[in-house]
Protein backbone atom coordinates (compact mmCIF):
# COMPACT_ATOMS: atom_id res chain seq x y z
CA MET A 1 133.71 24.98 98.37
CA LYS A 2 129.92 24.75 98.44
CA ASP A 3 129.69 26.14 101.96
CA ILE A 4 132.55 28.60 101.51
CA ASP A 5 132.42 30.25 98.04
CA GLU A 6 131.16 28.27 95.07
CA LYS A 7 132.79 30.69 92.61
CA ASP A 8 136.19 29.46 93.80
CA THR A 9 135.43 25.82 92.93
CA PRO A 10 137.03 25.80 89.44
CA ILE A 11 140.27 27.26 90.80
CA LEU A 12 140.46 24.74 93.62
CA ALA A 13 139.59 21.87 91.26
CA SER A 14 142.38 22.95 88.88
CA ALA A 15 144.92 23.15 91.69
CA MET A 16 143.93 19.68 92.87
CA GLN A 17 144.11 18.21 89.36
CA LEU A 18 147.53 19.77 88.69
CA CYS A 19 148.83 19.08 92.22
CA CYS A 20 149.90 22.69 92.59
CA PRO A 21 149.32 25.44 95.13
CA ILE A 22 147.03 28.43 94.75
CA GLY A 23 148.34 31.99 94.83
CA SER A 24 145.60 34.22 96.20
CA ASN A 25 144.80 36.80 98.84
CA ASP A 26 141.20 35.52 98.95
CA ASN A 27 140.58 34.41 102.53
CA HIS A 28 138.05 31.84 101.34
CA PHE A 29 140.85 29.63 100.05
CA LYS A 30 142.42 29.51 103.51
CA MET A 31 139.25 27.81 104.78
CA GLN A 32 139.84 24.64 102.75
CA LYS A 33 142.49 21.94 103.19
CA ALA A 34 142.65 20.36 99.71
CA ALA A 35 145.36 22.65 98.28
CA LYS A 36 148.14 24.79 99.72
CA VAL A 37 147.43 28.52 99.46
CA TYR A 38 150.10 31.22 99.26
CA THR A 39 149.28 34.89 99.73
CA THR A 40 151.35 37.63 98.14
CA ASN A 41 153.11 38.15 101.47
CA ASP A 42 153.85 34.41 101.73
CA LEU A 43 155.48 34.47 98.30
CA LEU A 44 157.48 37.59 99.09
CA ASP A 45 158.70 35.97 102.32
CA LEU A 46 159.81 32.89 100.38
CA LEU A 47 161.66 35.00 97.83
CA ASN A 48 163.40 37.08 100.49
CA ARG A 49 164.72 34.17 102.53
CA LYS A 50 168.48 33.77 102.48
């Protein structure tokens, strides 16, 4: 995250350690490939699928 947004590093590191996705509308997270990122709209779409 050094070249993207260093303030997001702890969140990304936690997601990687826990092997879990990140829920965020921060576009910076979409620029990395280490963890899956879900926006609010992504989550709503998943919940509304039938």
